[in-house]
Amino acid sequence: MFHVKHCSIYLSLVMIVWLRQRPRHAILYFLMAKIISIVNQKGGVGKTTTAINLAACLAVADLKILLLDFDPQANATSGIGIDKKTVRNSVYDSLLREVELKDTICKTEIDNLDVIPSSPDLYGAEVELVNVPSRNTQLKDRLELLKEFYDFIIIDCPPSLGLLTINSFAAADSIIIPLQCEYYALEGMTQLLTTVKSIKSSINQSLAIEGILLTMFDSRTVLSNQIYSEVKKYFKEHLLSTVIPRNIRLSEAPSHGKPIIFYAHNSKGANAYLDLAKEIIQNAKKGTWERSRSAYPV
């Protein structure tokens, strides 16, 4: 099993040092899971990379994490080290085959990190859900039964604004929007924010924007700096402090079935996602998810 106590080198990482600065009893855990959906209707912006690595970094912070792969491509499933061919039940089976969602959970090689895998069957789910009563809240209803057992639930969404993504909006407390630092980055942002506004008014009034996360940032290029300036100008109130750099190690890690902190722990990508996890924890502590360790379910 991968665990910081087995890998002393990870104790030097910024996240671990930050957490261990306080007494054990002072570290706060969360009453009910905070559910965060990683969403953007554009593909190739870093959604799955963010879902996998944020989940892993939160897990090494000694928080109980559930990563839910809600993309039919199932890249988060394989990217975290789960062999898709060995999966017996996926999130699809819970949505449409009456399998309990808890019975789809797979353990990973990382302590504190569980996964609900996806499968290509999910491609047909949007059509199959059309005539299902309360089709927009099917995922929300199932996740309610799991929230008490986790600190964070991270949902990797498909690159669309279809019924699956709407289900993730309905279930989530907040969303992270990865935004690639390239030419067409802002295209579709207005549509996405309009959809979020619609969801808030009709399905999930408490849905919040956790933040816009700039990804694939290269400080050496004029374009990346222009995109950063534009986003800061028009979406400053939603922009996360953490910026994910363009990093070859981040691209390599999924082919090894490992999050970046277990593939290249000294890389810029690893440090960036540790910073993101720290920012998300700090944001959560400003909210209503705090609890003492004694309340943590065994």
C-alpha atoms as a PDB file:
ATOM      1  CA  MET A   1       0.000   0.000   0.000  1.00  0.00           C
ATOM      2  CA  PHE A   2       1.236   3.524  -0.759  1.00  0.00           C
ATOM      3  CA  HIS A   3       1.321   5.562   2.431  1.00  0.00           C
ATOM      4  CA  VAL A   4       3.424   8.449   3.645  1.00  0.00           C
ATOM      5  CA  LYS A   5       4.617   6.402   6.642  1.00  0.00           C
ATOM      6  CA  HIS A   6       6.096   3.865   4.223  1.00  0.00           C
ATOM      7  CA  CYS A   7       7.708   6.527   2.040  1.00  0.00           C
ATOM      8  CA  SER A   8       9.704   8.879   4.253  1.00  0.00           C
ATOM      9  CA  ILE A   9      10.621  11.009   1.270  1.00  0.00           C
ATOM     10  CA  TYR A  10       7.035  12.278   1.074  1.00  0.00           C
ATOM     11  CA  LEU A  11       7.369  13.755   4.546  1.00  0.00           C
ATOM     12  CA  SER A  12       9.350  16.566   2.947  1.00  0.00           C
ATOM     13  CA  LEU A  13       6.455  17.564   0.731  1.00  0.00           C
ATOM     14  CA  VAL A  14       4.814  20.907   1.370  1.00  0.00           C
ATOM     15  CA  MET A  15       1.405  19.390   2.147  1.00  0.00           C
ATOM     16  CA  ILE A  16       2.656  16.999   4.806  1.00  0.00           C
ATOM     17  CA  VAL A  17       4.807  19.644   6.494  1.00  0.00           C
ATOM     18  CA  TRP A  18       1.881  22.050   6.498  1.00  0.00           C
ATOM     19  CA  LEU A  19      -0.452  19.521   8.104  1.00  0.00           C
ATOM     20  CA  ARG A  20       2.039  18.288  10.674  1.00  0.00           C
ATOM     21  CA  GLN A  21       2.785  21.796  11.977  1.00  0.00           C
ATOM     22  CA  ARG A  22      -0.277  21.489  14.197  1.00  0.00           C
ATOM     23  CA  PRO A  23      -0.988  18.986  17.010  1.00  0.00           C
ATOM     24  CA  ARG A  24      -2.840  15.871  15.879  1.00  0.00           C
ATOM     25  CA  HIS A  25      -5.953  16.771  17.855  1.00  0.00           C
ATOM     26  CA  ALA A  26      -6.084  20.198  16.205  1.00  0.00           C
ATOM     27  CA  ILE A  27      -6.457  18.816  12.678  1.00  0.00           C
ATOM     28  CA  LEU A  28     -10.093  19.190  11.659  1.00  0.00           C
ATOM     29  CA  TYR A  29     -12.111  16.620   9.759  1.00  0.00           C
ATOM     30  CA  PHE A  30     -15.500  17.020   8.196  1.00  0.00           C
ATOM     31  CA  LEU A  31     -19.015  16.218   9.388  1.00  0.00           C
ATOM     32  CA  MET A  32     -20.284  15.252   5.948  1.00  0.00           C
ATOM     33  CA  ALA A  33     -18.372  14.930   2.709  1.00  0.00           C
ATOM     34  CA  LYS A  34     -17.934  18.029   0.644  1.00  0.00           C
ATOM     35  CA  ILE A  35     -18.728  17.020  -2.938  1.00  0.00           C
ATOM     36  CA  ILE A  36     -16.718  18.751  -5.651  1.00  0.00           C
ATOM     37  CA  SER A  37     -17.381  18.207  -9.349  1.00  0.00           C
ATOM     38  CA  ILE A  38     -14.570  18.814 -11.831  1.00  0.00           C
ATOM     39  CA  VAL A  39     -16.319  20.172 -14.909  1.00  0.00           C
ATOM     40  CA  ASN A  40     -15.803  21.784 -18.291  1.00  0.00           C
ATOM     41  CA  GLN A  41     -17.656  20.905 -21.480  1.00  0.00           C
ATOM     42  CA  LYS A  42     -14.407  21.216 -23.417  1.00  0.00           C
ATOM     43  CA  GLY A  43     -12.154  18.181 -23.594  1.00  0.00           C
ATOM     44  CA  GLY A  44      -8.424  18.143 -22.958  1.00  0.00           C
ATOM     45  CA  VAL A  45      -8.417  20.872 -20.316  1.00  0.00           C
ATOM     46  CA  GLY A  46      -7.173  18.745 -17.413  1.00  0.00           C
ATOM     47  CA  LYS A  47     -10.396  17.559 -15.761  1.00  0.00           C
ATOM     48  CA  THR A  48      -9.325  13.969 -15.193  1.00  0.00           C
ATOM     49  CA  THR A  49      -5.768  14.962 -14.298  1.00  0.00           C
ATOM     50  CA  THR A  50      -7.179  17.345 -11.704  1.00  0.00           C
ATOM     51  CA  ALA A  51      -9.685  14.833 -10.325  1.00  0.00           C
ATOM     52  CA  ILE A  52      -7.052  12.114  -9.871  1.00  0.00           C
ATOM     53  CA  ASN A  53      -4.332  14.306  -8.420  1.00  0.00           C
ATOM     54  CA  LEU A  54      -6.535  16.420  -6.181  1.00  0.00           C
ATOM     55  CA  ALA A  55      -8.077  13.244  -4.757  1.00  0.00           C
ATOM     56  CA  ALA A  56      -4.651  11.688  -4.135  1.00  0.00           C
ATOM     57  CA  CYS A  57      -3.213  14.820  -2.518  1.00  0.00           C
ATOM     58  CA  LEU A  58      -6.216  15.124  -0.210  1.00  0.00           C
ATOM     59  CA  ALA A  59      -5.808  11.450   0.710  1.00  0.00           C
ATOM     60  CA  VAL A  60      -2.164  11.845   1.767  1.00  0.00           C
ATOM     61  CA  ALA A  61      -3.371  14.696   3.957  1.00  0.00           C
ATOM     62  CA  ASP A  62      -5.017  11.949   6.033  1.00  0.00           C
ATOM     63  CA  LEU A  63      -8.525  12.703   4.791  1.00  0.00           C
ATOM     64  CA  LYS A  64     -10.934  10.021   3.616  1.00  0.00           C
ATOM     65  CA  ILE A  65     -11.563  10.542  -0.111  1.00  0.00           C
ATOM     66  CA  LEU A  66     -13.920   9.040  -2.696  1.00  0.00           C
ATOM     67  CA  LEU A  67     -13.109   9.602  -6.374  1.00  0.00           C
ATOM     68  CA  LEU A  68     -16.145   9.052  -8.584  1.00  0.00           C
ATOM     69  CA  ASP A  69     -15.419   8.514 -12.279  1.00  0.00           C
ATOM     70  CA  PHE A  70     -18.501   9.853 -14.078  1.00  0.00           C
ATOM     71  CA  ASP A  71     -16.952   9.948 -17.558  1.00  0.00           C
ATOM     72  CA  PRO A  72     -17.704   7.004 -19.900  1.00  0.00           C
ATOM     73  CA  GLN A  73     -14.085   7.117 -21.075  1.00  0.00           C
ATOM     74  CA  ALA A  74     -13.168   5.829 -17.593  1.00  0.00           C
ATOM     75  CA  ASN A  75      -9.763   7.526 -17.668  1.00  0.00           C
ATOM     76  CA  ALA A  76      -9.887   8.397 -13.975  1.00  0.00           C
ATOM     77  CA  THR A  77     -10.470   4.704 -13.256  1.00  0.00           C
ATOM     78  CA  SER A  78      -7.371   3.555 -15.121  1.00  0.00           C
ATOM     79  CA  GLY A  79      -5.354   6.634 -14.155  1.00  0.00           C
ATOM     80  CA  ILE A  80      -5.655   5.796 -10.467  1.00  0.00           C
ATOM     81  CA  GLY A  81      -4.464   2.239 -11.077  1.00  0.00           C
ATOM     82  CA  ILE A  82      -7.724   0.284 -11.467  1.00  0.00           C
ATOM     83  CA  ASP A  83      -7.810  -2.228 -14.330  1.00  0.00           C
ATOM     84  CA  LYS A  84     -11.073  -1.469 -16.137  1.00  0.00           C
ATOM     85  CA  LYS A  85     -11.311  -5.091 -17.290  1.00  0.00           C
ATOM     86  CA  THR A  86     -11.543  -6.322 -13.696  1.00  0.00           C
ATOM     87  CA  VAL A  87     -14.344  -3.967 -12.615  1.00  0.00           C
ATOM     88  CA  ARG A  88     -17.481  -5.940 -11.714  1.00  0.00           C
ATOM     89  CA  ASN A  89     -19.819  -3.034 -11.012  1.00  0.00           C
ATOM     90  CA  SER A  90     -19.450   0.572 -12.125  1.00  0.00           C
ATOM     91  CA  VAL A  91     -21.388   3.758 -11.467  1.00  0.00           C
ATOM     92  CA  TYR A  92     -23.550   2.795 -14.458  1.00  0.00           C
ATOM     93  CA  ASP A  93     -24.740  -0.328 -12.632  1.00  0.00           C
ATOM     94  CA  SER A  94     -25.859   1.787  -9.695  1.00  0.00           C
ATOM     95  CA  LEU A  95     -27.707   4.287 -11.880  1.00  0.00           C
ATOM     96  CA  LEU A  96     -29.538   1.795 -14.081  1.00  0.00           C
ATOM     97  CA  ARG A  97     -29.192  -1.748 -12.741  1.00  0.00           C
ATOM     98  CA  GLU A  98     -30.236  -1.267  -9.121  1.00  0.00           C
ATOM     99  CA  VAL A  99     -26.795  -2.054  -7.703  1.00  0.00           C
ATOM    100  CA  GLU A 100     -26.137  -0.214  -4.435  1.00  0.00           C
ATOM    101  CA  LEU A 101     -23.597   2.554  -4.991  1.00  0.00           C
ATOM    102  CA  LYS A 102     -21.559   1.307  -2.029  1.00  0.00           C
ATOM    103  CA  ASP A 103     -21.164  -2.021  -3.816  1.00  0.00           C
ATOM    104  CA  THR A 104     -19.367  -0.333  -6.714  1.00  0.00           C
ATOM    105  CA  ILE A 105     -16.570   1.098  -4.527  1.00  0.00           C
ATOM    106  CA  CYS A 106     -13.049  -0.147  -5.252  1.00  0.00           C
ATOM    107  CA  LYS A 107     -10.069   0.211  -2.949  1.00  0.00           C
ATOM    108  CA  THR A 108      -6.906   1.713  -4.409  1.00  0.00           C
ATOM    109  CA  GLU A 109      -3.254   1.246  -3.511  1.00  0.00           C
ATOM    110  CA  ILE A 110      -3.374   4.613  -1.766  1.00  0.00           C
ATOM    111  CA  ASP A 111      -4.533   4.697   1.845  1.00  0.00           C
ATOM    112  CA  ASN A 112      -7.709   6.763   2.396  1.00  0.00           C
ATOM    113  CA  LEU A 113      -8.588   6.812  -1.315  1.00  0.00           C
ATOM    114  CA  ASP A 114     -11.514   4.820  -2.738  1.00  0.00           C
ATOM    115  CA  VAL A 115     -12.833   4.889  -6.297  1.00  0.00           C
ATOM    116  CA  ILE A 116     -16.215   4.342  -7.914  1.00  0.00           C
ATOM    117  CA  PRO A 117     -15.200   3.259 -11.424  1.00  0.00           C
ATOM    118  CA  SER A 118     -16.812   4.109 -14.716  1.00  0.00           C
ATOM    119  CA  SER A 119     -17.285   2.021 -17.835  1.00  0.00           C
ATOM    120  CA  PRO A 120     -18.184   2.583 -21.511  1.00  0.00           C
ATOM    121  CA  ASP A 121     -21.733   1.482 -20.624  1.00  0.00           C
ATOM    122  CA  LEU A 122     -22.175   4.999 -19.272  1.00  0.00           C
ATOM    123  CA  TYR A 123     -22.257   6.320 -22.847  1.00  0.00           C
ATOM    124  CA  GLY A 124     -25.842   5.095 -23.119  1.00  0.00           C
ATOM    125  CA  ALA A 125     -26.908   6.298 -19.691  1.00  0.00           C
ATOM    126  CA  GLU A 126     -28.171   9.689 -20.818  1.00  0.00           C
ATOM    127  CA  VAL A 127     -30.628   8.058 -23.227  1.00  0.00           C
ATOM    128  CA  GLU A 128     -31.683   5.463 -20.663  1.00  0.00           C
ATOM    129  CA  LEU A 129     -32.233   8.082 -17.955  1.00  0.00           C
ATOM    130  CA  VAL A 130     -34.504  10.295 -20.049  1.00  0.00           C
ATOM    131  CA  ASN A 131     -37.720   8.603 -18.897  1.00  0.00           C
ATOM    132  CA  VAL A 132     -36.557   7.936 -15.341  1.00  0.00           C
ATOM    133  CA  PRO A 133     -38.391   9.962 -12.670  1.00  0.00           C
ATOM    134  CA  SER A 134     -36.136  12.597 -11.047  1.00  0.00           C
ATOM    135  CA  ARG A 135     -33.534  11.890 -13.714  1.00  0.00           C
ATOM    136  CA  ASN A 136     -31.506  14.977 -12.752  1.00  0.00           C
ATOM    137  CA  THR A 137     -30.935  13.836  -9.163  1.00  0.00           C
ATOM    138  CA  GLN A 138     -30.203  10.133  -9.553  1.00  0.00           C
ATOM    139  CA  LEU A 139     -26.553  10.543  -8.571  1.00  0.00           C
ATOM    140  CA  LYS A 140     -27.341  12.924  -5.717  1.00  0.00           C
ATOM    141  CA  ASP A 141     -29.830  10.482  -4.179  1.00  0.00           C
ATOM    142  CA  ARG A 142     -27.250   7.676  -4.219  1.00  0.00           C
ATOM    143  CA  LEU A 143     -24.358   9.734  -2.889  1.00  0.00           C
ATOM    144  CA  GLU A 144     -26.379  10.876   0.123  1.00  0.00           C
ATOM    145  CA  LEU A 145     -25.879   7.412   1.639  1.00  0.00           C
ATOM    146  CA  LEU A 146     -22.087   7.686   1.376  1.00  0.00           C
ATOM    147  CA  LYS A 147     -21.432  11.255   2.489  1.00  0.00           C
ATOM    148  CA  GLU A 148     -20.976  10.421   6.164  1.00  0.00           C
ATOM    149  CA  PHE A 149     -18.057   8.093   5.413  1.00  0.00           C
ATOM    150  CA  TYR A 150     -15.848  10.542   3.504  1.00  0.00           C
ATOM    151  CA  ASP A 151     -14.352  13.985   3.922  1.00  0.00           C
ATOM    152  CA  PHE A 152     -14.373  14.835   0.202  1.00  0.00           C
ATOM    153  CA  ILE A 153     -16.031  13.246  -2.816  1.00  0.00           C
ATOM    154  CA  ILE A 154     -14.427  14.272  -6.109  1.00  0.00           C
ATOM    155  CA  ILE A 155     -16.438  13.732  -9.312  1.00  0.00           C
ATOM    156  CA  ASP A 156     -14.702  13.561 -12.685  1.00  0.00           C
ATOM    157  CA  CYS A 157     -17.301  14.724 -15.222  1.00  0.00           C
ATOM    158  CA  PRO A 158     -17.563  14.028 -18.963  1.00  0.00           C
ATOM    159  CA  PRO A 159     -16.677  16.783 -21.463  1.00  0.00           C
ATOM    160  CA  SER A 160     -20.270  17.864 -22.066  1.00  0.00           C
ATOM    161  CA  LEU A 161     -23.168  19.657 -20.407  1.00  0.00           C
ATOM    162  CA  GLY A 162     -25.504  16.697 -20.828  1.00  0.00           C
ATOM    163  CA  LEU A 163     -27.557  14.740 -18.307  1.00  0.00           C
ATOM    164  CA  LEU A 164     -24.556  13.157 -16.603  1.00  0.00           C
ATOM    165  CA  THR A 165     -22.962  16.533 -15.913  1.00  0.00           C
ATOM    166  CA  ILE A 166     -26.304  17.931 -14.736  1.00  0.00           C
ATOM    167  CA  ASN A 167     -26.499  15.013 -12.288  1.00  0.00           C
ATOM    168  CA  SER A 168     -23.053  15.923 -10.992  1.00  0.00           C
ATOM    169  CA  PHE A 169     -24.138  19.561 -10.576  1.00  0.00           C
ATOM    170  CA  ALA A 170     -27.191  18.432  -8.626  1.00  0.00           C
ATOM    171  CA  ALA A 171     -25.057  16.301  -6.317  1.00  0.00           C
ATOM    172  CA  ALA A 172     -22.206  18.758  -5.776  1.00  0.00           C
ATOM    173  CA  ASP A 173     -21.598  21.376  -3.135  1.00  0.00           C
ATOM    174  CA  SER A 174     -19.225  23.148  -5.491  1.00  0.00           C
ATOM    175  CA  ILE A 175     -17.472  22.848  -8.835  1.00  0.00           C
ATOM    176  CA  ILE A 176     -13.922  23.348 -10.037  1.00  0.00           C
ATOM    177  CA  ILE A 177     -13.564  24.507 -13.643  1.00  0.00           C
ATOM    178  CA  PRO A 178     -10.182  23.594 -15.153  1.00  0.00           C
ATOM    179  CA  LEU A 179      -9.265  26.125 -17.820  1.00  0.00           C
ATOM    180  CA  GLN A 180      -6.462  25.378 -20.249  1.00  0.00           C
ATOM    181  CA  CYS A 181      -4.078  28.253 -20.948  1.00  0.00           C
ATOM    182  CA  GLU A 182      -4.516  28.118 -24.706  1.00  0.00           C
ATOM    183  CA  TYR A 183      -6.186  30.139 -27.449  1.00  0.00           C
ATOM    184  CA  TYR A 184      -9.780  28.876 -27.205  1.00  0.00           C
ATOM    185  CA  ALA A 185      -9.701  28.571 -23.415  1.00  0.00           C
ATOM    186  CA  LEU A 186     -12.471  31.058 -22.706  1.00  0.00           C
ATOM    187  CA  GLU A 187     -14.736  29.727 -25.449  1.00  0.00           C
ATOM    188  CA  GLY A 188     -17.746  28.135 -23.813  1.00  0.00           C
ATOM    189  CA  MET A 189     -17.111  29.664 -20.385  1.00  0.00           C
ATOM    190  CA  THR A 190     -20.205  31.860 -20.665  1.00  0.00           C
ATOM    191  CA  GLN A 191     -22.340  28.847 -21.559  1.00  0.00           C
ATOM    192  CA  LEU A 192     -20.956  26.888 -18.620  1.00  0.00           C
ATOM    193  CA  LEU A 193     -21.590  29.678 -16.135  1.00  0.00           C
ATOM    194  CA  THR A 194     -25.103  30.139 -17.543  1.00  0.00           C
ATOM    195  CA  THR A 195     -25.751  26.435 -16.992  1.00  0.00           C
ATOM    196  CA  VAL A 196     -24.477  26.695 -13.411  1.00  0.00           C
ATOM    197  CA  LYS A 197     -26.823  29.643 -12.808  1.00  0.00           C
ATOM    198  CA  SER A 198     -29.730  27.631 -14.199  1.00  0.00           C
ATOM    199  CA  ILE A 199     -28.902  24.643 -11.992  1.00  0.00           C
ATOM    200  CA  LYS A 200     -28.748  26.907  -8.931  1.00  0.00           C
ATOM    201  CA  SER A 201     -32.181  28.330  -9.634  1.00  0.00           C
ATOM    202  CA  SER A 202     -33.889  25.044 -10.448  1.00  0.00           C
ATOM    203  CA  ILE A 203     -32.122  21.987  -8.985  1.00  0.00           C
ATOM    204  CA  ASN A 204     -29.369  22.838  -6.490  1.00  0.00           C
ATOM    205  CA  GLN A 205     -29.628  26.232  -4.846  1.00  0.00           C
ATOM    206  CA  SER A 206     -26.509  25.662  -2.745  1.00  0.00           C
ATOM    207  CA  LEU A 207     -24.210  24.924  -5.697  1.00  0.00           C
ATOM    208  CA  ALA A 208     -21.128  27.151  -5.567  1.00  0.00           C
ATOM    209  CA  ILE A 209     -18.150  27.736  -7.813  1.00  0.00           C
ATOM    210  CA  GLU A 210     -15.128  26.484  -5.881  1.00  0.00           C
ATOM    211  CA  GLY A 211     -12.981  28.172  -8.463  1.00  0.00           C
ATOM    212  CA  ILE A 212     -11.532  28.363 -11.929  1.00  0.00           C
ATOM    213  CA  LEU A 213      -8.277  26.397 -12.087  1.00  0.00           C
ATOM    214  CA  LEU A 214      -5.772  27.444 -14.732  1.00  0.00           C
ATOM    215  CA  THR A 215      -4.021  24.388 -16.186  1.00  0.00           C
ATOM    216  CA  MET A 216      -1.144  23.762 -18.605  1.00  0.00           C
ATOM    217  CA  PHE A 217       0.276  27.169 -17.751  1.00  0.00           C
ATOM    218  CA  ASP A 218       3.664  27.992 -19.267  1.00  0.00           C
ATOM    219  CA  SER A 219       5.060  31.220 -17.873  1.00  0.00           C
ATOM    220  CA  ARG A 220       7.554  31.403 -20.754  1.00  0.00           C
ATOM    221  CA  THR A 221       4.847  31.982 -23.355  1.00  0.00           C
ATOM    222  CA  VAL A 222       3.042  35.196 -24.118  1.00  0.00           C
ATOM    223  CA  LEU A 223      -0.204  33.272 -24.706  1.00  0.00           C
ATOM    224  CA  SER A 224      -0.324  31.683 -21.241  1.00  0.00           C
ATOM    225  CA  ASN A 225       0.254  35.049 -19.620  1.00  0.00           C
ATOM    226  CA  GLN A 226      -2.428  36.650 -21.785  1.00  0.00           C
ATOM    227  CA  ILE A 227      -4.961  33.965 -20.812  1.00  0.00           C
ATOM    228  CA  TYR A 228      -4.067  34.426 -17.146  1.00  0.00           C
ATOM    229  CA  SER A 229      -4.584  38.185 -17.444  1.00  0.00           C
ATOM    230  CA  GLU A 230      -7.926  37.766 -19.231  1.00  0.00           C
ATOM    231  CA  VAL A 231      -9.272  35.298 -16.672  1.00  0.00           C
ATOM    232  CA  LYS A 232      -8.094  37.485 -13.806  1.00  0.00           C
ATOM    233  CA  LYS A 233      -9.761  40.489 -15.433  1.00  0.00           C
ATOM    234  CA  TYR A 234     -13.165  38.917 -16.068  1.00  0.00           C
ATOM    235  CA  PHE A 235     -13.398  36.128 -13.453  1.00  0.00           C
ATOM    236  CA  LYS A 236     -11.180  37.354 -10.628  1.00  0.00           C
ATOM    237  CA  GLU A 237     -13.708  36.458  -7.924  1.00  0.00           C
ATOM    238  CA  HIS A 238     -13.700  32.823  -9.059  1.00  0.00           C
ATOM    239  CA  LEU A 239      -9.996  32.344  -9.842  1.00  0.00           C
ATOM    240  CA  LEU A 240      -8.157  29.881  -7.606  1.00  0.00           C
ATOM    241  CA  SER A 241      -4.738  30.951  -6.359  1.00  0.00           C
ATOM    242  CA  THR A 242      -3.133  27.693  -7.486  1.00  0.00           C
ATOM    243  CA  VAL A 243      -2.022  27.445 -11.113  1.00  0.00           C
ATOM    244  CA  ILE A 244      -1.154  24.065 -12.655  1.00  0.00           C
ATOM    245  CA  PRO A 245       1.933  24.291 -14.885  1.00  0.00           C
ATOM    246  CA  ARG A 246       2.485  22.481 -18.145  1.00  0.00           C
ATOM    247  CA  ASN A 247       4.536  19.497 -16.993  1.00  0.00           C
ATOM    248  CA  ILE A 248       5.588  16.392 -18.888  1.00  0.00           C
ATOM    249  CA  ARG A 249       5.450  14.300 -15.712  1.00  0.00           C
ATOM    250  CA  LEU A 250       1.746  15.066 -15.358  1.00  0.00           C
ATOM    251  CA  SER A 251       1.215  13.697 -18.867  1.00  0.00           C
ATOM    252  CA  GLU A 252       3.229  10.553 -18.153  1.00  0.00           C
ATOM    253  CA  ALA A 253       1.716   9.598 -14.791  1.00  0.00           C
ATOM    254  CA  PRO A 254      -1.659   8.206 -16.054  1.00  0.00           C
ATOM    255  CA  SER A 255       0.062   5.617 -18.251  1.00  0.00           C
ATOM    256  CA  HIS A 256       1.639   4.237 -15.069  1.00  0.00           C
ATOM    257  CA  GLY A 257      -1.671   4.247 -13.188  1.00  0.00           C
ATOM    258  CA  LYS A 258      -0.315   6.628 -10.553  1.00  0.00           C
ATOM    259  CA  PRO A 259      -1.111  10.128  -9.324  1.00  0.00           C
ATOM    260  CA  ILE A 260       1.722  12.574  -9.829  1.00  0.00           C
ATOM    261  CA  ILE A 261       2.816  12.558  -6.173  1.00  0.00           C
ATOM    262  CA  PHE A 262       3.568   8.835  -6.429  1.00  0.00           C
ATOM    263  CA  TYR A 263       5.097   9.027  -9.898  1.00  0.00           C
ATOM    264  CA  ALA A 264       7.248  12.169  -9.709  1.00  0.00           C
ATOM    265  CA  HIS A 265       6.965  13.645  -6.232  1.00  0.00           C
ATOM    266  CA  ASN A 266       9.535  16.402  -6.822  1.00  0.00           C
ATOM    267  CA  SER A 267       7.980  17.634 -10.059  1.00  0.00           C
ATOM    268  CA  LYS A 268       6.350  21.025 -10.507  1.00  0.00           C
ATOM    269  CA  GLY A 269       3.073  19.234 -11.211  1.00  0.00           C
ATOM    270  CA  ALA A 270       3.182  17.392  -7.883  1.00  0.00           C
ATOM    271  CA  ASN A 271       3.891  20.576  -5.951  1.00  0.00           C
ATOM    272  CA  ALA A 272       1.077  22.396  -7.751  1.00  0.00           C
ATOM    273  CA  TYR A 273      -1.532  19.758  -6.902  1.00  0.00           C
ATOM    274  CA  LEU A 274      -0.364  19.669  -3.284  1.00  0.00           C
ATOM    275  CA  ASP A 275      -0.901  23.432  -3.234  1.00  0.00           C
ATOM    276  CA  LEU A 276      -4.365  22.948  -4.732  1.00  0.00           C
ATOM    277  CA  ALA A 277      -5.287  20.390  -2.071  1.00  0.00           C
ATOM    278  CA  LYS A 278      -4.147  22.808   0.623  1.00  0.00           C
ATOM    279  CA  GLU A 279      -6.282  25.575  -0.909  1.00  0.00           C
ATOM    280  CA  ILE A 280      -9.346  23.318  -1.097  1.00  0.00           C
ATOM    281  CA  ILE A 281      -8.933  22.238   2.540  1.00  0.00           C
ATOM    282  CA  GLN A 282      -8.634  25.850   3.650  1.00  0.00           C
ATOM    283  CA  ASN A 283     -11.755  26.758   1.659  1.00  0.00           C
ATOM    284  CA  ALA A 284     -13.677  23.887   3.255  1.00  0.00           C
ATOM    285  CA  LYS A 285     -12.701  25.007   6.737  1.00  0.00           C
ATOM    286  CA  LYS A 286     -14.338  28.335   6.010  1.00  0.00           C
ATOM    287  CA  GLY A 287     -17.577  26.450   5.351  1.00  0.00           C
ATOM    288  CA  THR A 288     -19.723  24.069   7.370  1.00  0.00           C
ATOM    289  CA  TRP A 289     -17.861  20.772   7.017  1.00  0.00           C
ATOM    290  CA  GLU A 290     -15.701  20.900  10.163  1.00  0.00           C
ATOM    291  CA  ARG A 291     -15.814  18.168  12.783  1.00  0.00           C
ATOM    292  CA  SER A 292     -13.540  16.561  15.356  1.00  0.00           C
ATOM    293  CA  ARG A 293     -11.635  13.334  14.703  1.00  0.00           C
ATOM    294  CA  SER A 294     -13.736  11.536  17.347  1.00  0.00           C
ATOM    295  CA  ALA A 295     -16.768  11.800  15.056  1.00  0.00           C
ATOM    296  CA  TYR A 296     -14.954  10.105  12.204  1.00  0.00           C
ATOM    297  CA  PRO A 297     -16.691   6.842  11.168  1.00  0.00           C
ATOM    298  CA  VAL A 298     -14.678   3.656  11.676  1.00  0.00           C
END
